[in-house]
PDB file of N, CA and C in Angstrom:
ATOM      1  N   LYS A   1     136.511-108.517  38.302  1.00  0.00           N
ATOM      2  CA  LYS A   1     135.683-107.885  39.364  1.00  0.00           C
ATOM      3  C   LYS A   1     134.275-108.498  39.428  1.00  0.00           C
ATOM      4  N   GLY A   2     133.997-109.427  38.485  1.00  0.00           N
ATOM      5  CA  GLY A   2     132.566-110.012  38.557  1.00  0.00           C
ATOM      6  C   GLY A   2     131.514-109.130  37.941  1.00  0.00           C
ATOM      7  N   ILE A   3     131.886-108.104  37.260  1.00  0.00           N
ATOM      8  CA  ILE A   3     130.867-107.229  36.535  1.00  0.00           C
ATOM      9  C   ILE A   3     130.686-107.791  35.229  1.00  0.00           C
ATOM     10  N   PRO A   4     129.481-107.990  34.641  1.00  0.00           N
ATOM     11  CA  PRO A   4     129.345-108.424  33.283  1.00  0.00           C
ATOM     12  C   PRO A   4     130.033-107.487  32.299  1.00  0.00           C
ATOM     13  N   ARG A   5     130.802-108.051  31.362  1.00  0.00           N
ATOM     14  CA  ARG A   5     131.508-107.165  30.339  1.00  0.00           C
ATOM     15  C   ARG A   5     130.661-106.237  29.622  1.00  0.00           C
ATOM     16  N   ALA A   6     129.314-106.726  29.443  1.00  0.00           N
ATOM     17  CA  ALA A   6     128.455-105.782  28.707  1.00  0.00           C
ATOM     18  C   ALA A   6     128.238-104.515  29.440  1.00  0.00           C
ATOM     19  N   ILE A   7     128.176-104.693  30.759  1.00  0.00           N
ATOM     20  CA  ILE A   7     127.916-103.494  31.760  1.00  0.00           C
ATOM     21  C   ILE A   7     129.101-102.543  31.638  1.00  0.00           C
ATOM     22  N   LEU A   8     130.302-103.118  31.784  1.00  0.00           N
ATOM     23  CA  LEU A   8     131.492-102.250  31.709  1.00  0.00           C
ATOM     24  C   LEU A   8     131.619-101.588  30.305  1.00  0.00           C
ATOM     25  N   LYS A   9     131.345-102.373  29.261  1.00  0.00           N
ATOM     26  CA  LYS A   9     131.381-101.718  27.904  1.00  0.00           C
ATOM     27  C   LYS A   9     130.414-100.630  27.734  1.00  0.00           C
ATOM     28  N   ALA A  10     129.157-100.787  28.312  1.00  0.00           N
ATOM     29  CA  ALA A  10     128.111 -99.987  28.128  1.00  0.00           C
ATOM     30  C   ALA A  10     128.401 -98.570  28.897  1.00  0.00           C
ATOM     31  N   VAL A  11     129.006 -98.712  30.135  1.00  0.00           N
ATOM     32  CA  VAL A  11     129.331 -97.567  30.893  1.00  0.00           C
ATOM     33  C   VAL A  11     130.490 -96.753  30.128  1.00  0.00           C
ATOM     34  N   ALA A  12     131.443 -97.482  29.684  1.00  0.00           N
ATOM     35  CA  ALA A  12     132.608 -96.826  29.060  1.00  0.00           C
ATOM     36  C   ALA A  12     132.108 -96.157  27.797  1.00  0.00           C
ATOM     37  N   TRP A  13     131.266 -96.726  27.063  1.00  0.00           N
ATOM     38  CA  TRP A  13     130.708 -96.132  25.835  1.00  0.00           C
ATOM     39  C   TRP A  13     129.904 -94.922  26.039  1.00  0.00           C
ATOM     40  N   GLN A  14     129.098 -94.991  27.114  1.00  0.00           N
ATOM     41  CA  GLN A  14     128.318 -93.870  27.486  1.00  0.00           C
ATOM     42  C   GLN A  14     129.174 -92.680  27.980  1.00  0.00           C
ATOM     43  N   GLU A  15     130.134 -93.012  28.789  1.00  0.00           N
ATOM     44  CA  GLU A  15     131.028 -92.029  29.397  1.00  0.00           C
ATOM     45  C   GLU A  15     131.985 -91.328  28.319  1.00  0.00           C
ATOM     46  N   SER A  16     132.459 -92.087  27.381  1.00  0.00           N
ATOM     47  CA  SER A  16     133.533 -91.477  26.563  1.00  0.00           C
ATOM     48  C   SER A  16     133.260 -91.410  24.993  1.00  0.00           C
ATOM     49  N   LYS A  17     132.128 -91.917  24.521  1.00  0.00           N
ATOM     50  CA  LYS A  17     131.891 -91.989  23.086  1.00  0.00           C
ATOM     51  C   LYS A  17     131.939 -90.534  22.482  1.00  0.00           C
ATOM     52  N   ALA A  18     132.443 -90.446  21.335  1.00  0.00           N
ATOM     53  CA  ALA A  18     132.422 -89.212  20.560  1.00  0.00           C
ATOM     54  C   ALA A  18     133.185 -89.509  19.297  1.00  0.00           C
ATOM     55  N   ALA A  19     133.120 -88.630  18.326  1.00  0.00           N
ATOM     56  CA  ALA A  19     134.022 -88.634  17.213  1.00  0.00           C
ATOM     57  C   ALA A  19     135.411 -88.512  17.776  1.00  0.00           C
ATOM     58  N   ASP A  20     136.252 -89.465  17.339  1.00  0.00           N
ATOM     59  CA  ASP A  20     137.610 -89.622  17.812  1.00  0.00           C
ATOM     60  C   ASP A  20     138.636 -89.069  16.757  1.00  0.00           C
ATOM     61  N   PRO A  21     139.091 -87.850  17.014  1.00  0.00           N
ATOM     62  CA  PRO A  21     140.074 -87.362  15.903  1.00  0.00           C
ATOM     63  C   PRO A  21     141.408 -88.201  15.874  1.00  0.00           C
ATOM     64  N   ASP A  22     141.675 -88.955  16.981  1.00  0.00           N
ATOM     65  CA  ASP A  22     142.864 -89.790  16.968  1.00  0.00           C
ATOM     66  C   ASP A  22     142.573 -91.123  16.114  1.00  0.00           C
ATOM     67  N   ASN A  23     141.360 -91.314  15.635  1.00  0.00           N
ATOM     68  CA  ASN A  23     141.052 -92.522  14.919  1.00  0.00           C
ATOM     69  C   ASN A  23     140.107 -92.139  13.749  1.00  0.00           C
ATOM     70  N   GLY A  24     140.468 -91.095  12.957  1.00  0.00           N
ATOM     71  CA  GLY A  24     139.919 -90.771  11.779  1.00  0.00           C
ATOM     72  C   GLY A  24     138.467 -90.163  12.058  1.00  0.00           C
ATOM     73  N   GLY A  25     138.091 -89.811  13.082  1.00  0.00           N
ATOM     74  CA  GLY A  25     136.729 -89.172  13.244  1.00  0.00           C
ATOM     75  C   GLY A  25     135.698 -90.152  13.481  1.00  0.00           C
ATOM     76  N   VAL A  26     136.095 -91.556  13.632  1.00  0.00           N
ATOM     77  CA  VAL A  26     135.053 -92.566  13.944  1.00  0.00           C
ATOM     78  C   VAL A  26     134.618 -92.381  15.431  1.00  0.00           C
ATOM     79  N   THR A  27     133.308 -92.542  15.629  1.00  0.00           N
ATOM     80  CA  THR A  27     132.773 -92.537  16.946  1.00  0.00           C
ATOM     81  C   THR A  27     133.247 -93.756  17.718  1.00  0.00           C
ATOM     82  N   ASN A  28     133.850 -93.554  18.788  1.00  0.00           N
ATOM     83  CA  ASN A  28     134.639 -94.659  19.605  1.00  0.00           C
ATOM     84  C   ASN A  28     134.596 -94.454  21.020  1.00  0.00           C
ATOM     85  N   TRP A  29     135.000 -95.490  21.806  1.00  0.00           N
ATOM     86  CA  TRP A  29     135.451 -95.274  23.154  1.00  0.00           C
ATOM     87  C   TRP A  29     136.803 -94.530  23.103  1.00  0.00           C
ATOM     88  N   ARG A  30     137.004 -93.708  24.109  1.00  0.00           N
ATOM     89  CA  ARG A  30     138.212 -92.946  24.180  1.00  0.00           C
ATOM     90  C   ARG A  30     138.703 -92.794  25.559  1.00  0.00           C
ATOM     91  N   GLN A  31     140.200 -92.872  25.564  1.00  0.00           N
ATOM     92  CA  GLN A  31     140.821 -92.558  26.866  1.00  0.00           C
ATOM     93  C   GLN A  31     141.620 -91.325  26.511  1.00  0.00           C
ATOM     94  N   PHE A  32     141.725 -91.065  25.313  1.00  0.00           N
ATOM     95  CA  PHE A  32     142.598 -89.766  24.925  1.00  0.00           C
ATOM     96  C   PHE A  32     141.737 -89.027  23.817  1.00  0.00           C
ATOM     97  N   TYR A  33     141.972 -87.822  23.675  1.00  0.00           N
ATOM     98  CA  TYR A  33     141.420 -86.836  22.724  1.00  0.00           C
ATOM     99  C   TYR A  33     142.459 -85.989  22.221  1.00  0.00           C
ATOM    100  N   ASN A  34     142.690 -85.947  20.894  1.00  0.00           N
ATOM    101  CA  ASN A  34     143.784 -85.161  20.314  1.00  0.00           C
ATOM    102  C   ASN A  34     145.121 -85.501  20.924  1.00  0.00           C
ATOM    103  N   GLY A  35     145.264 -86.677  21.303  1.00  0.00           N
ATOM    104  CA  GLY A  35     146.594 -87.027  21.858  1.00  0.00           C
ATOM    105  C   GLY A  35     146.807 -86.810  23.371  1.00  0.00           C
ATOM    106  N   GLN A  36     145.819 -86.250  23.904  1.00  0.00           N
ATOM    107  CA  GLN A  36     145.800 -85.873  25.365  1.00  0.00           C
ATOM    108  C   GLN A  36     144.715 -86.688  26.133  1.00  0.00           C
ATOM    109  N   PRO A  37     145.014 -86.821  27.429  1.00  0.00           N
ATOM    110  CA  PRO A  37     143.945 -87.670  28.243  1.00  0.00           C
ATOM    111  C   PRO A  37     142.647 -87.033  28.089  1.00  0.00           C
ATOM    112  N   LEU A  38     141.658 -87.838  27.946  1.00  0.00           N
ATOM    113  CA  LEU A  38     140.224 -87.273  27.956  1.00  0.00           C
ATOM    114  C   LEU A  38     139.842 -86.803  29.259  1.00  0.00           C
ATOM    115  N   ILE A  39     139.395 -85.521  29.186  1.00  0.00           N
ATOM    116  CA  ILE A  39     138.912 -84.754  30.386  1.00  0.00           C
ATOM    117  C   ILE A  39     137.494 -84.395  30.047  1.00  0.00           C
ATOM    118  N   GLY A  40     136.512 -84.792  30.811  1.00  0.00           N
ATOM    119  CA  GLY A  40     135.110 -84.603  30.562  1.00  0.00           C
ATOM    120  C   GLY A  40     134.751 -83.042  30.499  1.00  0.00           C
ATOM    121  N   GLY A  41     133.617 -82.820  29.919  1.00  0.00           N
ATOM    122  CA  GLY A  41     133.163 -81.402  29.786  1.00  0.00           C
ATOM    123  C   GLY A  41     132.990 -80.754  31.118  1.00  0.00           C
ATOM    124  N   ASP A  42     132.889 -81.531  32.185  1.00  0.00           N
ATOM    125  CA  ASP A  42     132.841 -80.953  33.603  1.00  0.00           C
ATOM    126  C   ASP A  42     134.173 -80.656  34.176  1.00  0.00           C
ATOM    127  N   GLN A  43     135.219 -80.908  33.343  1.00  0.00           N
ATOM    128  CA  GLN A  43     136.580 -80.757  33.726  1.00  0.00           C
ATOM    129  C   GLN A  43     137.117 -81.515  34.869  1.00  0.00           C
ATOM    130  N   VAL A  44     136.291 -82.558  35.173  1.00  0.00           N
ATOM    131  CA  VAL A  44     136.643 -83.369  36.300  1.00  0.00           C
ATOM    132  C   VAL A  44     136.818 -84.878  35.878  1.00  0.00           C
ATOM    133  N   GLY A  45     135.819 -85.446  35.116  1.00  0.00           N
ATOM    134  CA  GLY A  45     135.989 -86.864  34.720  1.00  0.00           C
ATOM    135  C   GLY A  45     137.159 -87.058  33.879  1.00  0.00           C
ATOM    136  N   ILE A  46     137.948 -88.289  34.104  1.00  0.00           N
ATOM    137  CA  ILE A  46     139.106 -88.577  33.466  1.00  0.00           C
ATOM    138  C   ILE A  46     138.928 -89.932  32.803  1.00  0.00           C
ATOM    139  N   GLY A  47     139.260 -89.927  31.385  1.00  0.00           N
ATOM    140  CA  GLY A  47     139.422 -91.173  30.683  1.00  0.00           C
ATOM    141  C   GLY A  47     138.216 -91.840  30.261  1.00  0.00           C
ATOM    142  N   ILE A  48     138.404 -93.045  29.785  1.00  0.00           N
ATOM    143  CA  ILE A  48     137.344 -93.897  29.208  1.00  0.00           C
ATOM    144  C   ILE A  48     136.163 -94.105  30.242  1.00  0.00           C
ATOM    145  N   MET A  49     136.295 -94.222  31.514  1.00  0.00           N
ATOM    146  CA  MET A  49     135.285 -94.447  32.480  1.00  0.00           C
ATOM    147  C   MET A  49     134.811 -93.080  33.132  1.00  0.00           C
ATOM    148  N   GLN A  50     135.510 -92.007  32.735  1.00  0.00           N
ATOM    149  CA  GLN A  50     135.190 -90.646  33.279  1.00  0.00           C
ATOM    150  C   GLN A  50     135.245 -90.788  34.866  1.00  0.00           C
ATOM    151  N   VAL A  51     136.227 -91.218  35.410  1.00  0.00           N
ATOM    152  CA  VAL A  51     136.463 -91.312  36.802  1.00  0.00           C
ATOM    153  C   VAL A  51     136.546 -89.903  37.385  1.00  0.00           C
ATOM    154  N   SER A  52     135.642 -89.669  38.306  1.00  0.00           N
ATOM    155  CA  SER A  52     135.740 -88.236  39.021  1.00  0.00           C
ATOM    156  C   SER A  52     135.858 -88.311  40.545  1.00  0.00           C
ATOM    157  N   ASP A  53     135.946 -89.590  40.973  1.00  0.00           N
ATOM    158  CA  ASP A  53     136.132 -89.826  42.542  1.00  0.00           C
ATOM    159  C   ASP A  53     137.500 -89.953  42.915  1.00  0.00           C
ATOM    160  N   TYR A  54     138.438 -88.799  42.716  1.00  0.00           N
ATOM    161  CA  TYR A  54     139.727 -88.902  42.971  1.00  0.00           C
ATOM    162  C   TYR A  54     140.141 -87.749  43.948  1.00  0.00           C
ATOM    163  N   SER A  55     139.294 -86.982  44.577  1.00  0.00           N
ATOM    164  CA  SER A  55     139.590 -85.974  45.410  1.00  0.00           C
ATOM    165  C   SER A  55     140.586 -86.388  46.518  1.00  0.00           C
ATOM    166  N   GLY A  56     141.662 -85.756  46.888  1.00  0.00           N
ATOM    167  CA  GLY A  56     142.642 -86.112  47.824  1.00  0.00           C
ATOM    168  C   GLY A  56     143.559 -87.232  47.373  1.00  0.00           C
ATOM    169  N   GLU A  57     143.507 -87.641  46.108  1.00  0.00           N
ATOM    170  CA  GLU A  57     144.451 -88.740  45.582  1.00  0.00           C
ATOM    171  C   GLU A  57     145.785 -88.008  45.221  1.00  0.00           C
ATOM    172  N   SER A  58     146.684 -88.841  45.144  1.00  0.00           N
ATOM    173  CA  SER A  58     148.068 -88.389  44.793  1.00  0.00           C
ATOM    174  C   SER A  58     148.147 -88.072  43.322  1.00  0.00           C
ATOM    175  N   ALA A  59     149.117 -87.308  42.822  1.00  0.00           N
ATOM    176  CA  ALA A  59     149.335 -86.931  41.463  1.00  0.00           C
ATOM    177  C   ALA A  59     149.649 -88.182  40.743  1.00  0.00           C
ATOM    178  N   GLU A  60     150.408 -89.162  41.306  1.00  0.00           N
ATOM    179  CA  GLU A  60     150.667 -90.440  40.643  1.00  0.00           C
ATOM    180  C   GLU A  60     149.375 -91.212  40.257  1.00  0.00           C
ATOM    181  N   TYR A  61     148.425 -91.212  41.229  1.00  0.00           N
ATOM    182  CA  TYR A  61     147.051 -91.838  41.032  1.00  0.00           C
ATOM    183  C   TYR A  61     146.367 -91.202  39.866  1.00  0.00           C
ATOM    184  N   ILE A  62     146.294 -89.800  39.925  1.00  0.00           N
ATOM    185  CA  ILE A  62     145.671 -89.071  38.821  1.00  0.00           C
ATOM    186  C   ILE A  62     146.244 -89.275  37.468  1.00  0.00           C
ATOM    187  N   ASN A  63     147.525 -89.348  37.476  1.00  0.00           N
ATOM    188  CA  ASN A  63     148.262 -89.470  36.191  1.00  0.00           C
ATOM    189  C   ASN A  63     148.007 -90.956  35.704  1.00  0.00           C
ATOM    190  N   ARG A  64     147.857 -91.933  36.567  1.00  0.00           N
ATOM    191  CA  ARG A  64     147.556 -93.289  36.115  1.00  0.00           C
ATOM    192  C   ARG A  64     146.111 -93.324  35.556  1.00  0.00           C
ATOM    193  N   LEU A  65     145.171 -92.573  36.185  1.00  0.00           N
ATOM    194  CA  LEU A  65     143.834 -92.500  35.562  1.00  0.00           C
ATOM    195  C   LEU A  65     143.895 -91.831  34.126  1.00  0.00           C
ATOM    196  N   LYS A  66     144.787 -90.959  34.050  1.00  0.00           N
ATOM    197  CA  LYS A  66     144.807 -90.256  32.704  1.00  0.00           C
ATOM    198  C   LYS A  66     145.590 -91.071  31.627  1.00  0.00           C
ATOM    199  N   TYR A  67     146.643 -91.787  31.996  1.00  0.00           N
ATOM    200  CA  TYR A  67     147.545 -92.452  30.978  1.00  0.00           C
ATOM    201  C   TYR A  67     147.397 -93.980  30.864  1.00  0.00           C
ATOM    202  N   ASP A  68     146.822 -94.592  31.938  1.00  0.00           N
ATOM    203  CA  ASP A  68     146.769 -96.022  32.016  1.00  0.00           C
ATOM    204  C   ASP A  68     145.251 -96.495  31.803  1.00  0.00           C
ATOM    205  N   THR A  69     144.961 -96.907  30.571  1.00  0.00           N
ATOM    206  CA  THR A  69     143.614 -97.223  30.255  1.00  0.00           C
ATOM    207  C   THR A  69     143.109 -98.381  31.085  1.00  0.00           C
ATOM    208  N   GLU A  70     143.897 -99.340  31.265  1.00  0.00           N
ATOM    209  CA  GLU A  70     143.367-100.536  32.033  1.00  0.00           C
ATOM    210  C   GLU A  70     143.187-100.131  33.447  1.00  0.00           C
ATOM    211  N   PHE A  71     143.998 -99.284  34.035  1.00  0.00           N
ATOM    212  CA  PHE A  71     143.767 -98.822  35.390  1.00  0.00           C
ATOM    213  C   PHE A  71     142.573 -97.917  35.520  1.00  0.00           C
ATOM    214  N   ASN A  72     142.316 -97.159  34.532  1.00  0.00           N
ATOM    215  CA  ASN A  72     141.058 -96.248  34.446  1.00  0.00           C
ATOM    216  C   ASN A  72     139.868 -97.190  34.437  1.00  0.00           C
ATOM    217  N   ILE A  73     139.844 -98.264  33.635  1.00  0.00           N
ATOM    218  CA  ILE A  73     138.715 -99.175  33.605  1.00  0.00           C
ATOM    219  C   ILE A  73     138.562 -99.878  34.936  1.00  0.00           C
ATOM    220  N   ARG A  74     139.616-100.278  35.538  1.00  0.00           N
ATOM    221  CA  ARG A  74     139.625-100.981  36.857  1.00  0.00           C
ATOM    222  C   ARG A  74     138.958-100.036  37.936  1.00  0.00           C
ATOM    223  N   GLU A  75     139.382 -98.800  37.914  1.00  0.00           N
ATOM    224  CA  GLU A  75     138.881 -97.909  38.931  1.00  0.00           C
ATOM    225  C   GLU A  75     137.415 -97.622  38.663  1.00  0.00           C
ATOM    226  N   GLY A  76     137.073 -97.447  37.405  1.00  0.00           N
ATOM    227  CA  GLY A  76     135.555 -97.311  36.996  1.00  0.00           C
ATOM    228  C   GLY A  76     134.754 -98.611  37.629  1.00  0.00           C
ATOM    229  N   ALA A  77     135.367 -99.779  37.448  1.00  0.00           N
ATOM    230  CA  ALA A  77     134.655-100.982  37.991  1.00  0.00           C
ATOM    231  C   ALA A  77     134.564-100.920  39.544  1.00  0.00           C
ATOM    232  N   ASN A  78     135.580-100.424  40.178  1.00  0.00           N
ATOM    233  CA  ASN A  78     135.498-100.256  41.554  1.00  0.00           C
ATOM    234  C   ASN A  78     134.325 -99.248  42.003  1.00  0.00           C
ATOM    235  N   ILE A  79     134.270 -98.256  41.222  1.00  0.00           N
ATOM    236  CA  ILE A  79     133.258 -97.294  41.569  1.00  0.00           C
ATOM    237  C   ILE A  79     131.849 -97.909  41.353  1.00  0.00           C
ATOM    238  N   LEU A  80     131.659 -98.692  40.205  1.00  0.00           N
ATOM    239  CA  LEU A  80     130.399 -99.408  40.091  1.00  0.00           C
ATOM    240  C   LEU A  80     130.089-100.375  41.211  1.00  0.00           C
ATOM    241  N   LEU A  81     131.041-101.050  41.650  1.00  0.00           N
ATOM    242  CA  LEU A  81     130.899-101.974  42.787  1.00  0.00           C
ATOM    243  C   LEU A  81     130.454-101.339  44.088  1.00  0.00           C
ATOM    244  N   THR A  82     131.187-100.133  44.272  1.00  0.00           N
ATOM    245  CA  THR A  82     130.807 -99.358  45.519  1.00  0.00           C
ATOM    246  C   THR A  82     129.382 -98.881  45.397  1.00  0.00           C
ATOM    247  N   LYS A  83     128.899 -98.447  44.306  1.00  0.00           N
ATOM    248  CA  LYS A  83     127.406 -98.193  44.030  1.00  0.00           C
ATOM    249  C   LYS A  83     126.552 -99.310  44.294  1.00  0.00           C
ATOM    250  N   TRP A  84     127.078-100.448  43.642  1.00  0.00           N
ATOM    251  CA  TRP A  84     126.276-101.698  43.782  1.00  0.00           C
ATOM    252  C   TRP A  84     126.020-102.043  45.226  1.00  0.00           C
ATOM    253  N   ALA A  85     126.954-101.829  46.055  1.00  0.00           N
ATOM    254  CA  ALA A  85     126.947-102.235  47.526  1.00  0.00           C
ATOM    255  C   ALA A  85     125.833-101.377  48.179  1.00  0.00           C
ATOM    256  N   ARG A  86     125.500-100.351  47.636  1.00  0.00           N
ATOM    257  CA  ARG A  86     124.374 -99.473  48.223  1.00  0.00           C
ATOM    258  C   ARG A  86     123.038-100.230  48.251  1.00  0.00           C
ATOM    259  N   SER A  87     122.877-101.296  47.360  1.00  0.00           N
ATOM    260  CA  SER A  87     121.639-101.963  47.377  1.00  0.00           C
ATOM    261  C   SER A  87     121.482-102.973  48.700  1.00  0.00           C
ATOM    262  N   PHE A  88     122.540-103.030  49.380  1.00  0.00           N
ATOM    263  CA  PHE A  88     122.567-103.757  50.581  1.00  0.00           C
ATOM    264  C   PHE A  88     122.616-102.829  51.895  1.00  0.00           C
ATOM    265  N   SER A  89     122.621-101.579  51.567  1.00  0.00           N
ATOM    266  CA  SER A  89     122.794-100.576  52.622  1.00  0.00           C
ATOM    267  C   SER A  89     121.440-100.433  53.423  1.00  0.00           C
ATOM    268  N   THR A  90     121.525 -99.882  54.690  1.00  0.00           N
ATOM    269  CA  THR A  90     120.396 -99.762  55.504  1.00  0.00           C
ATOM    270  C   THR A  90     120.130 -98.270  55.570  1.00  0.00           C
ATOM    271  N   SER A  91     120.962 -97.499  54.832  1.00  0.00           N
ATOM    272  CA  SER A  91     120.758 -96.000  54.825  1.00  0.00           C
ATOM    273  C   SER A  91     119.691 -95.515  53.871  1.00  0.00           C
ATOM    274  N   THR A  92     119.310 -94.161  53.927  1.00  0.00           N
ATOM    275  CA  THR A  92     118.414 -93.666  53.054  1.00  0.00           C
ATOM    276  C   THR A  92     118.703 -93.630  51.614  1.00  0.00           C
ATOM    277  N   ASP A  93     120.046 -93.715  51.353  1.00  0.00           N
ATOM    278  CA  ASP A  93     120.446 -93.704  49.850  1.00  0.00           C
ATOM    279  C   ASP A  93     120.471 -95.150  49.353  1.00  0.00           C
ATOM    280  N   LYS A  94     119.815 -96.042  49.894  1.00  0.00           N
ATOM    281  CA  LYS A  94     119.837 -97.416  49.458  1.00  0.00           C
ATOM    282  C   LYS A  94     119.151 -97.413  48.050  1.00  0.00           C
ATOM    283  N   ILE A  95     119.685 -98.384  47.181  1.00  0.00           N
ATOM    284  CA  ILE A  95     119.201 -98.412  45.835  1.00  0.00           C
ATOM    285  C   ILE A  95     118.561 -99.777  45.740  1.00  0.00           C
ATOM    286  N   PRO A  96     117.519-100.020  44.867  1.00  0.00           N
ATOM    287  CA  PRO A  96     116.763-101.243  44.800  1.00  0.00           C
ATOM    288  C   PRO A  96     117.677-102.345  44.298  1.00  0.00           C
ATOM    289  N   LYS A  97     117.317-103.657  44.725  1.00  0.00           N
ATOM    290  CA  LYS A  97     117.918-104.853  44.187  1.00  0.00           C
ATOM    291  C   LYS A  97     117.106-105.475  43.138  1.00  0.00           C
ATOM    292  N   VAL A  98     117.730-106.107  42.157  1.00  0.00           N
ATOM    293  CA  VAL A  98     117.072-106.943  41.166  1.00  0.00           C
ATOM    294  C   VAL A  98     117.410-108.357  41.343  1.00  0.00           C
ATOM    295  N   GLY A  99     116.382-109.246  41.323  1.00  0.00           N
ATOM    296  CA  GLY A  99     116.733-110.632  41.677  1.00  0.00           C
ATOM    297  C   GLY A  99     117.427-110.822  42.928  1.00  0.00           C
ATOM    298  N   ASN A 100     118.452-111.612  42.904  1.00  0.00           N
ATOM    299  CA  ASN A 100     119.373-111.849  44.197  1.00  0.00           C
ATOM    300  C   ASN A 100     120.444-110.996  44.205  1.00  0.00           C
ATOM    301  N   ALA A 101     120.462-110.103  43.330  1.00  0.00           N
ATOM    302  CA  ALA A 101     121.534-108.913  43.214  1.00  0.00           C
ATOM    303  C   ALA A 101     122.912-109.500  43.032  1.00  0.00           C
ATOM    304  N   ALA A 102     123.000-110.616  42.268  1.00  0.00           N
ATOM    305  CA  ALA A 102     124.299-111.218  41.969  1.00  0.00           C
ATOM    306  C   ALA A 102     124.999-110.241  40.887  1.00  0.00           C
ATOM    307  N   THR A 103     126.169-109.820  41.269  1.00  0.00           N
ATOM    308  CA  THR A 103     126.925-108.897  40.336  1.00  0.00           C
ATOM    309  C   THR A 103     127.241-109.473  38.946  1.00  0.00           C
ATOM    310  N   ASN A 104     127.393-110.746  38.952  1.00  0.00           N
ATOM    311  CA  ASN A 104     127.816-111.413  37.683  1.00  0.00           C
ATOM    312  C   ASN A 104     126.594-111.670  36.713  1.00  0.00           C
ATOM    313  N   GLU A 105     125.362-111.341  37.172  1.00  0.00           N
ATOM    314  CA  GLU A 105     124.199-111.480  36.346  1.00  0.00           C
ATOM    315  C   GLU A 105     123.747-110.213  35.619  1.00  0.00           C
ATOM    316  N   LEU A 106     123.889-110.166  34.393  1.00  0.00           N
ATOM    317  CA  LEU A 106     123.621-108.967  33.594  1.00  0.00           C
ATOM    318  C   LEU A 106     122.253-108.381  33.913  1.00  0.00           C
ATOM    319  N   GLU A 107     121.283-109.299  34.063  1.00  0.00           N
ATOM    320  CA  GLU A 107     119.910-108.838  34.349  1.00  0.00           C
ATOM    321  C   GLU A 107     119.732-108.174  35.680  1.00  0.00           C
ATOM    322  N   HIS A 108     120.676-108.467  36.538  1.00  0.00           N
ATOM    323  CA  HIS A 108     120.510-107.888  37.939  1.00  0.00           C
ATOM    324  C   HIS A 108     121.091-106.544  38.075  1.00  0.00           C
ATOM    325  N   TRP A 109     121.620-105.966  36.995  1.00  0.00           N
ATOM    326  CA  TRP A 109     122.174-104.588  37.024  1.00  0.00           C
ATOM    327  C   TRP A 109     121.056-103.730  36.692  1.00  0.00           C
TER     328      TRP A 109
END
């Protein structure tokens, strides 16, 4: 997706880190908690990327967010890219650009 690995890893860590009972209590990234899909404290965010933009999606899509870690990370990356595109927006919710706003440049995030 052209997002620096360090950015995806940092977001996943921030969104899902905690003592992991499925891994001896080690603080870790998590897709699951006690053998079940990780659902955030808000009861909305799902999995390692805490995807919460799924209103109106099918049960199949939501189950993939819950049980398919790679899919969850890809959807999280799509959300980041959607937010990134706001730096090129002309609307009032525009976000600032850094450098030439190249998505593959860590320093531009």
